[in-house]
Amino acid sequence: MSVLRLPLEEVEKEIRDKLDDLGYENYFNTVVLAKDTQNDVIKLEKPSVTSKFAHNVALYVIVNEEIYDQLPDKLKHLLLIETLTALHFDPETEKLTINKPDMVTYSGFISKYGLDTKVQLMETIKSLRDKKKNEKNSEPTT
């Protein structure tokens, strides 16, 4: 049974402090919840239109406290930064976006070849895609 509940005060404070450090706390309302059955340690969700209107909430941060509480403080800090990096807020349009990760890989690949190799591979592919796109855009239209 998946039960949402309010998190421990200290967990909520850690998350709100990190949102504040990133400058987001003043721009939109966030509700922090706990759900110990979820696979993600921290999950970001945008509310439905109805929920956003009814509760004036722009973001839900849902934390698996059972796992989060067992992390050393340094790893909690890094996890919060990594997760909240997905957020982008445009104050002019008041639009909040949760971006998808730009790197997905396998631990076996990283163990064997290293993170630098993965980054080099990603950058090369991006460069080739950009080159192809530019060539396509510069072709004369008939």
C-alpha atoms as a PDB file:
ATOM      1  CA  MET A   1       0.000   0.000   0.000  1.00  0.00           C
ATOM      2  CA  SER A   2       1.496   3.326  -1.007  1.00  0.00           C
ATOM      3  CA  VAL A   3       0.837   5.896   1.654  1.00  0.00           C
ATOM      4  CA  LEU A   4       1.752   9.539   1.311  1.00  0.00           C
ATOM      5  CA  ARG A   5       2.411  11.337   4.541  1.00  0.00           C
ATOM      6  CA  LEU A   6       4.117  14.421   5.859  1.00  0.00           C
ATOM      7  CA  PRO A   7       7.884  13.987   6.280  1.00  0.00           C
ATOM      8  CA  LEU A   8       9.884  14.480   9.436  1.00  0.00           C
ATOM      9  CA  GLU A   9      10.479  18.171  10.137  1.00  0.00           C
ATOM     10  CA  GLU A  10      14.249  17.844   9.713  1.00  0.00           C
ATOM     11  CA  VAL A  11      13.867  16.204   6.283  1.00  0.00           C
ATOM     12  CA  GLU A  12      11.455  18.878   5.112  1.00  0.00           C
ATOM     13  CA  LYS A  13      13.804  21.586   6.391  1.00  0.00           C
ATOM     14  CA  GLU A  14      16.780  20.091   4.513  1.00  0.00           C
ATOM     15  CA  ILE A  15      14.783  20.056   1.270  1.00  0.00           C
ATOM     16  CA  ARG A  16      13.371  23.558   1.747  1.00  0.00           C
ATOM     17  CA  ASP A  17      16.801  24.923   2.646  1.00  0.00           C
ATOM     18  CA  LYS A  18      18.247  23.482  -0.573  1.00  0.00           C
ATOM     19  CA  LEU A  19      15.350  24.956  -2.613  1.00  0.00           C
ATOM     20  CA  ASP A  20      16.067  28.277  -0.925  1.00  0.00           C
ATOM     21  CA  ASP A  21      19.811  27.998  -1.658  1.00  0.00           C
ATOM     22  CA  LEU A  22      18.932  27.514  -5.328  1.00  0.00           C
ATOM     23  CA  GLY A  23      16.638  30.552  -5.229  1.00  0.00           C
ATOM     24  CA  TYR A  24      13.392  28.684  -5.851  1.00  0.00           C
ATOM     25  CA  GLU A  25      11.617  28.939  -2.521  1.00  0.00           C
ATOM     26  CA  ASN A  26      10.386  32.482  -3.184  1.00  0.00           C
ATOM     27  CA  TYR A  27       9.049  31.751  -6.679  1.00  0.00           C
ATOM     28  CA  PHE A  28       6.612  28.877  -6.222  1.00  0.00           C
ATOM     29  CA  ASN A  29       4.876  26.883  -3.512  1.00  0.00           C
ATOM     30  CA  THR A  30       6.274  23.460  -2.767  1.00  0.00           C
ATOM     31  CA  VAL A  31       4.781  20.637  -0.739  1.00  0.00           C
ATOM     32  CA  VAL A  32       7.169  18.047   0.668  1.00  0.00           C
ATOM     33  CA  LEU A  33       5.727  14.584   1.222  1.00  0.00           C
ATOM     34  CA  ALA A  34       7.084  11.192   2.241  1.00  0.00           C
ATOM     35  CA  LYS A  35       6.405   7.854   0.568  1.00  0.00           C
ATOM     36  CA  ASP A  36       8.664   5.041   1.712  1.00  0.00           C
ATOM     37  CA  THR A  37       7.428   2.568  -0.913  1.00  0.00           C
ATOM     38  CA  GLN A  38       8.704   4.520  -3.941  1.00  0.00           C
ATOM     39  CA  ASN A  39      11.879   3.428  -5.726  1.00  0.00           C
ATOM     40  CA  ASP A  40      13.265   6.949  -6.163  1.00  0.00           C
ATOM     41  CA  VAL A  41      14.803   8.385  -3.014  1.00  0.00           C
ATOM     42  CA  ILE A  42      13.579  11.836  -4.056  1.00  0.00           C
ATOM     43  CA  LYS A  43      11.000  12.404  -6.761  1.00  0.00           C
ATOM     44  CA  LEU A  44       9.775  15.692  -8.222  1.00  0.00           C
ATOM     45  CA  GLU A  45       6.195  15.928  -9.474  1.00  0.00           C
ATOM     46  CA  LYS A  46       4.094  18.725 -10.840  1.00  0.00           C
ATOM     47  CA  PRO A  47       0.500  18.741  -9.603  1.00  0.00           C
ATOM     48  CA  SER A  48      -2.542  18.377 -11.804  1.00  0.00           C
ATOM     49  CA  VAL A  49      -4.164  21.593 -12.999  1.00  0.00           C
ATOM     50  CA  THR A  50      -7.003  21.080 -10.523  1.00  0.00           C
ATOM     51  CA  SER A  51      -4.654  20.455  -7.611  1.00  0.00           C
ATOM     52  CA  LYS A  52      -2.485  23.414  -8.581  1.00  0.00           C
ATOM     53  CA  PHE A  53      -5.508  25.699  -8.605  1.00  0.00           C
ATOM     54  CA  ALA A  54      -7.182  24.291  -5.483  1.00  0.00           C
ATOM     55  CA  HIS A  55      -4.067  24.134  -3.318  1.00  0.00           C
ATOM     56  CA  ASN A  56      -1.796  26.754  -4.918  1.00  0.00           C
ATOM     57  CA  VAL A  57       0.992  24.196  -5.261  1.00  0.00           C
ATOM     58  CA  ALA A  58       3.489  24.186  -8.132  1.00  0.00           C
ATOM     59  CA  LEU A  59       5.732  21.308  -7.036  1.00  0.00           C
ATOM     60  CA  TYR A  60       5.604  18.161  -4.947  1.00  0.00           C
ATOM     61  CA  VAL A  61       8.873  16.806  -3.598  1.00  0.00           C
ATOM     62  CA  ILE A  62       8.294  13.230  -2.507  1.00  0.00           C
ATOM     63  CA  VAL A  63      11.015  11.580  -0.435  1.00  0.00           C
ATOM     64  CA  ASN A  64      11.589   7.976   0.575  1.00  0.00           C
ATOM     65  CA  GLU A  65      12.602   8.802   4.142  1.00  0.00           C
ATOM     66  CA  GLU A  66      13.450   5.214   4.968  1.00  0.00           C
ATOM     67  CA  ILE A  67      16.364   5.370   2.520  1.00  0.00           C
ATOM     68  CA  TYR A  68      17.094   9.111   2.735  1.00  0.00           C
ATOM     69  CA  ASP A  69      17.573   9.010   6.529  1.00  0.00           C
ATOM     70  CA  GLN A  70      20.243   6.332   6.214  1.00  0.00           C
ATOM     71  CA  LEU A  71      22.408   8.335   3.805  1.00  0.00           C
ATOM     72  CA  PRO A  72      25.438  10.190   5.187  1.00  0.00           C
ATOM     73  CA  ASP A  73      24.938  13.969   5.217  1.00  0.00           C
ATOM     74  CA  LYS A  74      27.326  14.520   2.288  1.00  0.00           C
ATOM     75  CA  LEU A  75      25.376  12.074   0.101  1.00  0.00           C
ATOM     76  CA  LYS A  76      22.047  13.624   1.170  1.00  0.00           C
ATOM     77  CA  HIS A  77      23.409  16.984   0.051  1.00  0.00           C
ATOM     78  CA  LEU A  78      24.605  15.598  -3.297  1.00  0.00           C
ATOM     79  CA  LEU A  79      21.317  13.772  -3.896  1.00  0.00           C
ATOM     80  CA  LEU A  80      19.331  16.947  -3.251  1.00  0.00           C
ATOM     81  CA  ILE A  81      21.514  18.946  -5.617  1.00  0.00           C
ATOM     82  CA  GLU A  82      21.308  16.268  -8.315  1.00  0.00           C
ATOM     83  CA  THR A  83      17.516  15.972  -8.024  1.00  0.00           C
ATOM     84  CA  LEU A  84      16.781  19.695  -7.825  1.00  0.00           C
ATOM     85  CA  THR A  85      19.050  20.362 -10.820  1.00  0.00           C
ATOM     86  CA  ALA A  86      16.110  19.063 -12.865  1.00  0.00           C
ATOM     87  CA  LEU A  87      14.109  22.185 -11.988  1.00  0.00           C
ATOM     88  CA  HIS A  88      13.947  25.218 -14.225  1.00  0.00           C
ATOM     89  CA  PHE A  89      11.752  28.193 -13.380  1.00  0.00           C
ATOM     90  CA  ASP A  90      11.165  31.109 -15.742  1.00  0.00           C
ATOM     91  CA  PRO A  91      10.067  34.068 -13.582  1.00  0.00           C
ATOM     92  CA  GLU A  92       8.816  36.022 -16.613  1.00  0.00           C
ATOM     93  CA  THR A  93       6.331  33.361 -17.654  1.00  0.00           C
ATOM     94  CA  GLU A  94       6.046  31.831 -14.157  1.00  0.00           C
ATOM     95  CA  LYS A  95       6.535  28.418 -15.747  1.00  0.00           C
ATOM     96  CA  LEU A  96       8.134  25.584 -13.811  1.00  0.00           C
ATOM     97  CA  THR A  97       9.722  22.762 -15.786  1.00  0.00           C
ATOM     98  CA  ILE A  98      11.092  19.465 -14.539  1.00  0.00           C
ATOM     99  CA  ASN A  99      13.792  18.465 -17.010  1.00  0.00           C
ATOM    100  CA  LYS A 100      14.640  14.859 -17.788  1.00  0.00           C
ATOM    101  CA  PRO A 101      18.149  13.611 -16.990  1.00  0.00           C
ATOM    102  CA  ASP A 102      20.675  14.281 -19.709  1.00  0.00           C
ATOM    103  CA  MET A 103      22.708  11.203 -18.831  1.00  0.00           C
ATOM    104  CA  VAL A 104      21.427   7.687 -18.414  1.00  0.00           C
ATOM    105  CA  THR A 105      23.867   4.812 -18.335  1.00  0.00           C
ATOM    106  CA  TYR A 106      24.741   1.509 -16.726  1.00  0.00           C
ATOM    107  CA  SER A 107      26.998   1.053 -13.730  1.00  0.00           C
ATOM    108  CA  GLY A 108      28.844  -1.775 -15.516  1.00  0.00           C
ATOM    109  CA  PHE A 109      29.786   0.610 -18.342  1.00  0.00           C
ATOM    110  CA  ILE A 110      31.041   3.226 -15.876  1.00  0.00           C
ATOM    111  CA  SER A 111      32.986   0.595 -13.903  1.00  0.00           C
ATOM    112  CA  LYS A 112      34.711  -0.679 -17.021  1.00  0.00           C
ATOM    113  CA  TYR A 113      35.262   2.513 -19.028  1.00  0.00           C
ATOM    114  CA  GLY A 114      34.836   5.392 -16.574  1.00  0.00           C
ATOM    115  CA  LEU A 115      32.579   8.430 -16.428  1.00  0.00           C
ATOM    116  CA  ASP A 116      34.896  10.517 -18.625  1.00  0.00           C
ATOM    117  CA  THR A 117      34.409   8.030 -21.470  1.00  0.00           C
ATOM    118  CA  LYS A 118      30.617   8.264 -21.098  1.00  0.00           C
ATOM    119  CA  VAL A 119      30.741  12.081 -21.162  1.00  0.00           C
ATOM    120  CA  GLN A 120      33.031  12.021 -24.228  1.00  0.00           C
ATOM    121  CA  LEU A 121      30.647   9.628 -25.982  1.00  0.00           C
ATOM    122  CA  MET A 122      27.634  11.833 -25.193  1.00  0.00           C
ATOM    123  CA  GLU A 123      29.392  15.026 -26.324  1.00  0.00           C
ATOM    124  CA  THR A 124      30.534  13.403 -29.584  1.00  0.00           C
ATOM    125  CA  ILE A 125      27.027  12.191 -30.381  1.00  0.00           C
ATOM    126  CA  LYS A 126      25.580  15.613 -29.566  1.00  0.00           C
ATOM    127  CA  SER A 127      28.159  17.291 -31.782  1.00  0.00           C
ATOM    128  CA  LEU A 128      27.366  14.952 -34.681  1.00  0.00           C
ATOM    129  CA  ARG A 129      23.622  15.556 -34.266  1.00  0.00           C
ATOM    130  CA  ASP A 130      24.160  19.320 -34.183  1.00  0.00           C
ATOM    131  CA  LYS A 131      26.337  19.115 -37.312  1.00  0.00           C
ATOM    132  CA  LYS A 132      23.670  17.115 -39.149  1.00  0.00           C
ATOM    133  CA  LYS A 133      20.982  19.560 -38.064  1.00  0.00           C
ATOM    134  CA  ASN A 134      23.043  22.553 -39.223  1.00  0.00           C
ATOM    135  CA  GLU A 135      23.734  20.912 -42.575  1.00  0.00           C
ATOM    136  CA  LYS A 136      20.050  20.191 -43.035  1.00  0.00           C
ATOM    137  CA  ASN A 137      19.111  23.772 -42.139  1.00  0.00           C
ATOM    138  CA  SER A 138      21.691  25.223 -44.553  1.00  0.00           C
ATOM    139  CA  GLU A 139      20.459  23.192 -47.534  1.00  0.00           C
ATOM    140  CA  PRO A 140      18.778  25.380 -50.156  1.00  0.00           C
ATOM    141  CA  THR A 141      15.033  24.864 -50.402  1.00  0.00           C
ATOM    142  CA  THR A 142      13.438  24.348 -53.770  1.00  0.00           C
END
